Amino acid sequence: MEIESLGIEGAWICRSKVHSDNRGEFQEWFKKDEIYSNTGFDFSVSQANLSHSRFGVVRGIHYSLATKGQAKWVTCMAGAIQDVILDIRSSSPTFGKHVSVNLEAGSGKAILIEPKLGHGFISLADDTFVAYLVSSPYSPLEEFEINPMDPVLGIDWGLPTEQLVVSEKDRAAPSLMQRKSQGNIPS
C-alpha cells in the first residue's frame, strides 16, 4: 500500500494494488498495520457506513466533535466522486484550506482522514456507492456541518450551484467562520 500526504496534516491518499484477471478484480483495500506504519495513526474501526448517490449529489462538509474524534477511511465502491477534505482546526497553519481528490471505483484509492477535519464529496456519476470506515459511532449531538457552498472556502464542485443536489440541512449549514464564532470547531 502506498500512502502519501495530501498537504493538510492528518489527510492522506492511499493506493492499494488492484489485481485483475479474467475473473475480475481483487484488492486489499484496508490494512490497519500498514496505515499505522506509514502514518503513525492508529485507526480503529467502530462503524461502517455506505452511501448511494446520483450524479451531482453533494454530501458534506461534515465533522464530529466527539471526545475521541472521528477518523474516516473513505473509498468509492461504484461510480466516482470528488472527495474534499477541509481543515477546520482553528490553530492549524492550514485552517480553512481544502484539498480535493478524485476517487473512482476500481482505482485502488482511498482517503484517510484523522479526527478534527471536515469531509464532503460530490458524486460524479449515477449509482455511486461510497464506503466509510469510521473510528467512532454516529453521535447526533456531536455531529456538525459547514455549508459546502461557503464562498470563503472556494470549493469548486465542478457544476453550477443550481445543478448541485444538496440536502436542506447542508444548504442551511453555517459557514466555517460562523461555526468558529459559535465555538463549534476543533481548536
Foldseek 3Di string as FASTA:
>chain_A
DDWDDPPFPQKIKDFWDWDQDPVGIDTDLDDQVVCCVVRVDRADFDDKDKDWDAAQEKDFQKFFPPPQFKKKKKAKQAAKKWKKKAQLAPPGPRHLAMDTDIHHHPRRIIMIGDGQITIMIGGHHHGIMMMMGMRDDDDPVGMAGAQPPQVSSVDCNPDPPVSHHYDPRNNPGHHSVVCVVVVNGHD
